[in-house]
Amino acid sequence: MRGVGVAPGTTTLTLPDGSTISLADWIDDKHYGTFQLQHGQSTPIEAFSAGRSMPIPGGTRVQTRVDTNIPRAGDSGLPKDWEMLVYGLGIEPVRACRPQAGQSQPVIGDGSGALSDPIQLATLFGINRLCFVSYEYNTKAYTQGVLADYPQGNGFSVVSTRSNVEVAQNGRPSPRDRLALVLPVHKRENLGYKLVLQPESALVIAQPASDFGIAHTFVDLKVKEFGLVKRNIV
């Protein structure tokens, strides 16, 4: 029996294993997940280890759509019929923050003593200097390095006349400057994946707050997988 072909003029892509996909069913997009570091952190943190509505990796607050667009933990792989070709990775410093007054863990919003600020260079330098990064798929490490090896490829570009403004980014806000994988990681359903960040020594996070109050001792980092995402037809 002959298989169903693709319409004439449809762009196709041949993968390293010889299989072919039709780009009409795929979009250039991303999967992302967030994790939280704190002062004194010395144990590994795994991005994508929790899905939406689950506690953020490294903390207790519940993740929202701002934190991740993955509905379940990466150790369980992608949900049924999900698929992605990962062509690039980026790690974005999201914020330095502190909890509400009298609380030990941050929340997503500010107020009641909670405050979020852009990450400053000294904070980012300390994390980059001490943390080893490993991206793993189906129990195999595909790329390893430090934070600066995975530039975010997007973000704020700041011009200010104020003397107390500092915004540290992990690389330039340019998609051309983020890490590119020549041969993509082909993520499929039920095959586990994660990005592990391992501090080699206890982190020192004590960034001065913009309100000159209690210093920030927590940092949120967002991991982004860039590539072709299969459109899910419900």
Protein backbone atom coordinates (compact mmCIF):
# COMPACT_ATOMS: atom_id res chain seq x y z
CA MET A 1 0.00 0.00 0.00
CA ARG A 2 1.36 3.40 -0.93
CA GLY A 3 1.78 6.01 1.79
CA VAL A 4 0.11 9.39 1.67
CA GLY A 5 2.49 11.96 0.20
CA VAL A 6 2.77 15.69 0.79
CA ALA A 7 1.32 18.41 -1.38
CA PRO A 8 3.52 19.66 -4.22
CA GLY A 9 5.73 22.55 -3.16
CA THR A 10 5.68 21.53 0.53
CA THR A 11 9.10 21.97 2.18
CA THR A 12 10.43 18.79 3.77
CA LEU A 13 13.37 18.14 6.07
CA THR A 14 15.36 14.90 6.28
CA LEU A 15 16.56 14.08 9.80
CA PRO A 16 19.86 12.32 10.67
CA ASP A 17 18.02 9.00 11.13
CA GLY A 18 16.64 9.20 7.57
CA SER A 19 13.08 10.12 8.51
CA THR A 20 11.39 13.05 6.75
CA ILE A 21 9.07 15.66 8.18
CA SER A 22 6.84 18.19 6.43
CA LEU A 23 7.46 21.75 7.62
CA ALA A 24 3.79 22.55 7.03
CA ASP A 25 3.10 20.81 10.35
CA TRP A 26 5.83 22.59 12.32
CA ILE A 27 6.51 26.11 13.59
CA ASP A 28 9.65 27.96 14.68
CA ASP A 29 9.07 28.30 18.42
CA LYS A 30 10.43 27.35 21.84
CA HIS A 31 9.92 25.32 24.99
CA TYR A 32 10.94 27.01 28.24
CA GLY A 33 11.21 26.29 31.94
CA THR A 34 12.33 28.31 34.98
CA PHE A 35 14.23 27.39 38.12
CA GLN A 36 15.19 29.24 41.29
CA LEU A 37 18.58 29.61 42.95
CA GLN A 38 19.20 30.94 46.43
CA HIS A 39 22.05 32.15 48.61
CA GLY A 40 24.10 29.19 49.88
CA GLN A 41 22.85 26.88 47.10
CA SER A 42 25.19 23.92 46.65
CA THR A 43 22.89 21.15 45.41
CA PRO A 44 21.99 20.64 41.71
CA ILE A 45 18.83 22.14 40.21
CA GLU A 46 17.06 20.63 37.20
CA ALA A 47 15.20 22.85 34.76
CA PHE A 48 12.08 21.18 33.28
CA SER A 49 11.80 18.91 36.34
CA ALA A 50 8.34 20.35 37.05
CA GLY A 51 5.48 21.40 34.79
CA ARG A 52 2.88 24.15 35.00
CA SER A 53 0.95 24.40 38.29
CA MET A 54 3.75 22.50 40.06
CA PRO A 55 6.30 24.05 42.49
CA ILE A 56 9.17 25.78 40.71
CA PRO A 57 12.40 23.73 40.76
CA GLY A 58 14.45 24.99 43.68
CA GLY A 59 11.51 26.74 45.38
CA THR A 60 7.93 26.46 46.55
CA ARG A 61 5.86 28.91 44.50
CA VAL A 62 3.55 27.43 41.89
CA GLN A 63 4.70 27.85 38.29
CA THR A 64 2.54 29.82 35.88
CA ARG A 65 2.55 30.18 32.09
CA VAL A 66 5.21 32.87 32.54
CA ASP A 67 7.54 30.28 34.08
CA THR A 68 7.04 27.33 31.72
CA ASN A 69 5.00 26.20 28.72
CA ILE A 70 5.50 22.50 29.49
CA PRO A 71 2.54 20.77 31.19
CA ARG A 72 4.49 18.01 32.93
CA ALA A 73 7.94 17.12 34.28
CA GLY A 74 10.65 16.58 31.68
CA ASP A 75 11.71 13.30 33.30
CA SER A 76 8.47 11.88 31.89
CA GLY A 77 9.23 13.25 28.42
CA LEU A 78 6.89 15.24 26.21
CA PRO A 79 3.13 14.54 26.38
CA LYS A 80 1.45 12.30 23.83
CA ASP A 81 1.84 13.47 20.21
CA TRP A 82 4.21 16.32 21.19
CA GLU A 83 7.46 16.60 19.26
CA MET A 84 10.28 19.11 18.88
CA LEU A 85 13.58 19.55 17.04
CA VAL A 86 15.84 21.53 19.38
CA TYR A 87 18.34 23.61 17.38
CA GLY A 88 19.51 25.95 20.12
CA LEU A 89 19.64 26.55 23.87
CA GLY A 90 19.58 29.80 25.84
CA ILE A 91 19.63 30.63 29.56
CA GLU A 92 18.05 33.93 30.58
CA PRO A 93 18.62 35.60 33.99
CA VAL A 94 15.04 36.62 34.82
CA ARG A 95 15.30 38.43 38.14
CA ALA A 96 16.99 38.82 41.50
CA CYS A 97 14.35 38.89 44.23
CA ARG A 98 13.46 38.61 47.89
CA PRO A 99 10.40 37.14 49.66
CA GLN A 100 7.54 38.97 51.29
CA ALA A 101 8.16 40.26 54.81
CA GLY A 102 8.32 37.39 57.28
CA GLN A 103 8.39 34.72 54.55
CA SER A 104 11.26 32.46 53.54
CA GLN A 105 10.45 31.84 49.86
CA PRO A 106 9.68 34.29 47.02
CA VAL A 107 6.36 34.64 45.22
CA ILE A 108 5.94 35.66 41.58
CA GLY A 109 4.59 39.16 42.28
CA ASP A 110 6.01 42.08 44.22
CA GLY A 111 4.44 43.78 47.22
CA SER A 112 4.14 43.22 50.98
CA GLY A 113 7.93 43.47 51.16
CA ALA A 114 8.62 41.31 48.10
CA LEU A 115 10.71 42.95 45.39
CA SER A 116 12.20 41.93 42.02
CA ASP A 117 15.08 43.68 40.22
CA PRO A 118 17.11 43.02 37.06
CA ILE A 119 20.16 40.90 37.77
CA GLN A 120 23.40 42.83 38.20
CA LEU A 121 26.78 41.84 36.80
CA ALA A 122 28.30 40.77 40.12
CA THR A 123 25.39 38.38 40.73
CA LEU A 124 25.54 36.90 37.24
CA PHE A 125 29.35 36.66 37.42
CA GLY A 126 29.16 34.68 40.66
CA ILE A 127 26.64 32.18 39.24
CA ASN A 128 28.55 31.75 35.97
CA ARG A 129 31.85 31.29 37.79
CA LEU A 130 30.65 28.50 40.04
CA CYS A 131 27.97 26.57 38.13
CA PHE A 132 28.38 23.65 35.73
CA VAL A 133 25.60 23.17 33.16
CA SER A 134 24.61 19.94 31.41
CA TYR A 135 21.74 19.43 28.94
CA GLU A 136 20.58 15.81 28.86
CA TYR A 137 18.11 13.95 26.67
CA ASN A 138 17.15 10.30 27.10
CA THR A 139 19.89 9.97 29.80
CA LYS A 140 22.59 11.20 27.36
CA ALA A 141 24.46 14.49 27.82
CA TYR A 142 24.32 16.50 24.59
CA THR A 143 26.13 19.68 25.63
CA GLN A 144 27.96 20.86 28.75
CA GLY A 145 29.53 24.12 29.90
CA VAL A 146 28.76 27.18 32.03
CA LEU A 147 26.05 29.83 31.89
CA ALA A 148 27.93 32.06 29.43
CA ASP A 149 28.12 29.20 26.91
CA TYR A 150 24.34 29.44 26.45
CA PRO A 151 23.58 33.11 25.66
CA GLN A 152 19.91 33.95 25.93
CA GLY A 153 19.64 35.45 22.43
CA ASN A 154 16.98 37.95 23.51
CA GLY A 155 16.28 40.43 26.26
CA PHE A 156 16.38 44.10 27.20
CA SER A 157 18.65 46.67 25.59
CA VAL A 158 18.94 49.55 28.05
CA VAL A 159 19.87 53.21 27.60
CA SER A 160 19.46 55.40 30.68
CA THR A 161 20.54 58.74 32.10
CA ARG A 162 20.20 57.42 35.65
CA SER A 163 23.38 56.61 37.54
CA ASN A 164 22.01 53.61 39.46
CA VAL A 165 20.68 51.44 36.61
CA GLU A 166 22.40 48.12 35.93
CA VAL A 167 21.00 45.27 33.83
CA ALA A 168 23.24 42.24 33.24
CA GLN A 169 22.29 39.94 30.37
CA ASN A 170 23.64 36.54 29.41
CA GLY A 171 24.92 37.63 26.01
CA ARG A 172 23.63 40.13 23.47
CA PRO A 173 19.91 40.38 22.63
CA SER A 174 20.48 38.73 19.24
CA PRO A 175 19.19 35.30 18.11
CA ARG A 176 22.34 34.90 16.00
CA ASP A 177 24.49 34.89 19.15
CA ARG A 178 22.79 32.05 21.03
CA LEU A 179 24.15 28.50 21.07
CA ALA A 180 23.25 26.58 17.90
CA LEU A 181 23.09 22.80 17.55
CA VAL A 182 23.97 21.84 13.97
CA LEU A 183 22.33 18.44 14.39
CA PRO A 184 19.09 18.92 16.34
CA VAL A 185 18.01 17.08 19.46
CA HIS A 186 14.82 15.29 18.39
CA LYS A 187 12.56 15.41 21.45
CA ARG A 188 9.67 12.93 21.39
CA GLU A 189 6.96 11.79 23.76
CA ASN A 190 7.93 9.86 26.89
CA LEU A 191 11.72 10.33 26.47
CA GLY A 192 13.11 12.29 29.40
CA TYR A 193 15.05 15.55 29.12
CA LYS A 194 16.46 18.12 31.53
CA LEU A 195 19.04 20.84 32.02
CA VAL A 196 21.08 20.35 35.20
CA LEU A 197 22.84 23.26 36.90
CA GLN A 198 25.37 22.10 39.52
CA PRO A 199 27.06 24.65 41.83
CA GLU A 200 30.65 23.51 42.42
CA SER A 201 30.74 25.65 45.56
CA ALA A 202 28.02 27.30 47.64
CA LEU A 203 26.57 30.32 45.80
CA VAL A 204 26.79 33.81 47.28
CA ILE A 205 23.69 35.78 46.24
CA ALA A 206 23.32 39.11 48.03
CA GLN A 207 22.42 41.73 45.43
CA PRO A 208 21.57 45.23 46.74
CA ALA A 209 17.88 46.03 46.29
CA SER A 210 16.70 49.05 44.31
CA ASP A 211 14.73 50.32 47.32
CA PHE A 212 17.87 50.13 49.51
CA GLY A 213 16.08 47.62 51.73
CA ILE A 214 16.80 43.96 52.40
CA ALA A 215 19.13 42.50 49.77
CA HIS A 216 18.04 39.99 47.14
CA THR A 217 19.12 36.46 47.99
CA PHE A 218 17.22 34.58 45.25
CA VAL A 219 17.62 34.44 41.47
CA ASP A 220 15.29 33.04 38.79
CA LEU A 221 16.82 31.65 35.59
CA LYS A 222 14.81 30.62 32.51
CA VAL A 223 16.03 27.90 30.14
CA LYS A 224 14.80 28.08 26.53
CA GLU A 225 14.96 25.39 23.85
CA PHE A 226 14.68 26.98 20.40
CA GLY A 227 13.73 25.06 17.29
CA LEU A 228 10.87 23.50 15.35
CA VAL A 229 7.80 22.57 17.38
CA LYS A 230 5.20 20.21 15.98
CA ARG A 231 1.76 21.76 15.97
CA ASN A 232 -0.65 19.73 18.06
CA ILE A 233 -3.98 19.11 16.37
CA VAL A 234 -6.73 18.53 18.92
